């Protein structure tokens, strides 16, 4: 059950299935699980730490929308989660 209930595990599972069935699973955006995908995630930010894209940051253990926020700036993200 934790493979679907936790945001990080759900994201990992959806990404795995998306690799096999790209057309059918094109309904959700690229998902980064931090700190695992930190290097790939940082590539979306320029030298100034800013991005043209807006990222939705969701804490893994949160519920009912608590802790979710939008950002275009790397400095607004908890650095401990992307080290």
C-alpha atoms as a PDB file:
ATOM      1  CA  UNK A   1       0.000   0.000   0.000  1.00  0.00           C
ATOM      2  CA  UNK A   2       2.853   2.406   0.709  1.00  0.00           C
ATOM      3  CA  UNK A   3       3.870   2.119  -2.965  1.00  0.00           C
ATOM      4  CA  UNK A   4       0.776   4.134  -3.856  1.00  0.00           C
ATOM      5  CA  UNK A   5       0.058   6.094  -0.676  1.00  0.00           C
ATOM      6  CA  UNK A   6       3.396   7.948  -0.490  1.00  0.00           C
ATOM      7  CA  UNK A   7       3.912  10.679  -3.114  1.00  0.00           C
ATOM      8  CA  UNK A   8       7.500   9.667  -3.812  1.00  0.00           C
ATOM      9  CA  UNK A   9       6.682   5.988  -4.401  1.00  0.00           C
ATOM     10  CA  UNK A  10       3.652   6.836  -6.547  1.00  0.00           C
ATOM     11  CA  UNK A  11       5.821   9.150  -8.661  1.00  0.00           C
ATOM     12  CA  UNK A  12       8.488   6.458  -9.072  1.00  0.00           C
ATOM     13  CA  UNK A  13       5.902   3.877 -10.101  1.00  0.00           C
ATOM     14  CA  UNK A  14       4.202   6.218 -12.571  1.00  0.00           C
ATOM     15  CA  UNK A  15       7.559   7.100 -14.142  1.00  0.00           C
ATOM     16  CA  UNK A  16       8.372   3.385 -14.516  1.00  0.00           C
ATOM     17  CA  UNK A  17       5.069   2.658 -16.226  1.00  0.00           C
ATOM     18  CA  UNK A  18       5.408   5.802 -18.360  1.00  0.00           C
ATOM     19  CA  UNK A  19       8.669   4.459 -19.813  1.00  0.00           C
ATOM     20  CA  UNK A  20       6.823   1.406 -21.150  1.00  0.00           C
ATOM     21  CA  UNK A  21       3.559   3.120 -22.120  1.00  0.00           C
ATOM     22  CA  UNK A  22       4.550   6.664 -23.056  1.00  0.00           C
ATOM     23  CA  UNK A  23       1.416   7.517 -25.009  1.00  0.00           C
ATOM     24  CA  UNK A  24      -1.018   6.215 -22.391  1.00  0.00           C
ATOM     25  CA  UNK A  25       0.818   7.867 -19.473  1.00  0.00           C
ATOM     26  CA  UNK A  26       1.490  11.274 -21.038  1.00  0.00           C
ATOM     27  CA  UNK A  27      -1.179  12.824 -18.790  1.00  0.00           C
ATOM     28  CA  UNK A  28       1.179  13.790 -15.956  1.00  0.00           C
ATOM     29  CA  UNK A  29       4.276  16.017 -16.005  1.00  0.00           C
ATOM     30  CA  UNK A  30       7.868  14.969 -15.420  1.00  0.00           C
ATOM     31  CA  UNK A  31       8.204  14.230 -11.724  1.00  0.00           C
ATOM     32  CA  UNK A  32      11.356  14.570  -9.629  1.00  0.00           C
ATOM     33  CA  UNK A  33      11.785  12.734  -6.340  1.00  0.00           C
ATOM     34  CA  UNK A  34      14.315  14.583  -4.212  1.00  0.00           C
ATOM     35  CA  UNK A  35      17.055  14.014  -3.256  1.00  0.00           C
ATOM     36  CA  UNK A  36      17.224  11.006  -5.633  1.00  0.00           C
ATOM     37  CA  UNK A  37      16.692  13.134  -8.794  1.00  0.00           C
ATOM     38  CA  UNK A  38      18.492  16.255  -7.539  1.00  0.00           C
ATOM     39  CA  UNK A  39      21.052  16.453 -10.370  1.00  0.00           C
ATOM     40  CA  UNK A  40      18.377  16.142 -13.060  1.00  0.00           C
ATOM     41  CA  UNK A  41      16.140  18.620 -11.215  1.00  0.00           C
ATOM     42  CA  UNK A  42      18.898  21.259 -10.932  1.00  0.00           C
ATOM     43  CA  UNK A  43      19.302  21.229 -14.734  1.00  0.00           C
ATOM     44  CA  UNK A  44      15.990  23.110 -14.942  1.00  0.00           C
ATOM     45  CA  UNK A  45      17.498  26.177 -13.258  1.00  0.00           C
ATOM     46  CA  UNK A  46      19.940  28.666 -14.754  1.00  0.00           C
ATOM     47  CA  UNK A  47      23.106  29.985 -13.157  1.00  0.00           C
ATOM     48  CA  UNK A  48      20.994  32.433 -11.145  1.00  0.00           C
ATOM     49  CA  UNK A  49      18.892  29.609  -9.699  1.00  0.00           C
ATOM     50  CA  UNK A  50      15.781  30.749 -11.586  1.00  0.00           C
ATOM     51  CA  UNK A  51      13.609  28.760 -13.985  1.00  0.00           C
ATOM     52  CA  UNK A  52      11.058  29.691 -16.650  1.00  0.00           C
ATOM     53  CA  UNK A  53       8.982  26.708 -15.514  1.00  0.00           C
ATOM     54  CA  UNK A  54       6.888  26.662 -12.369  1.00  0.00           C
ATOM     55  CA  UNK A  55       7.442  23.679 -10.095  1.00  0.00           C
ATOM     56  CA  UNK A  56       4.938  22.227  -7.652  1.00  0.00           C
ATOM     57  CA  UNK A  57       6.734  21.232  -4.455  1.00  0.00           C
ATOM     58  CA  UNK A  58       4.973  18.554  -2.409  1.00  0.00           C
ATOM     59  CA  UNK A  59       6.413  17.114   0.800  1.00  0.00           C
ATOM     60  CA  UNK A  60       6.280  13.315   0.750  1.00  0.00           C
ATOM     61  CA  UNK A  61       4.642  12.886   4.132  1.00  0.00           C
ATOM     62  CA  UNK A  62       2.141  15.735   3.869  1.00  0.00           C
ATOM     63  CA  UNK A  63      -1.615  15.426   3.527  1.00  0.00           C
ATOM     64  CA  UNK A  64      -4.617  17.571   2.641  1.00  0.00           C
ATOM     65  CA  UNK A  65      -2.456  20.071   0.749  1.00  0.00           C
ATOM     66  CA  UNK A  66      -0.286  21.025   3.705  1.00  0.00           C
ATOM     67  CA  UNK A  67       3.204  22.105   2.715  1.00  0.00           C
ATOM     68  CA  UNK A  68       2.504  22.326  -1.043  1.00  0.00           C
ATOM     69  CA  UNK A  69       3.772  25.447  -2.814  1.00  0.00           C
ATOM     70  CA  UNK A  70       4.756  26.735  -6.273  1.00  0.00           C
ATOM     71  CA  UNK A  71       8.192  28.068  -7.139  1.00  0.00           C
ATOM     72  CA  UNK A  72      10.446  29.137  -9.988  1.00  0.00           C
ATOM     73  CA  UNK A  73      13.436  29.671  -7.707  1.00  0.00           C
ATOM     74  CA  UNK A  74      15.862  27.041  -6.483  1.00  0.00           C
ATOM     75  CA  UNK A  75      16.569  29.097  -3.350  1.00  0.00           C
ATOM     76  CA  UNK A  76      12.933  28.688  -2.188  1.00  0.00           C
ATOM     77  CA  UNK A  77      13.298  24.916  -2.018  1.00  0.00           C
ATOM     78  CA  UNK A  78      14.521  23.243   1.161  1.00  0.00           C
ATOM     79  CA  UNK A  79      18.195  22.681   0.398  1.00  0.00           C
ATOM     80  CA  UNK A  80      18.339  19.591   2.621  1.00  0.00           C
ATOM     81  CA  UNK A  81      15.989  17.798   0.227  1.00  0.00           C
ATOM     82  CA  UNK A  82      18.084  18.503  -2.882  1.00  0.00           C
ATOM     83  CA  UNK A  83      21.622  17.917  -1.600  1.00  0.00           C
END
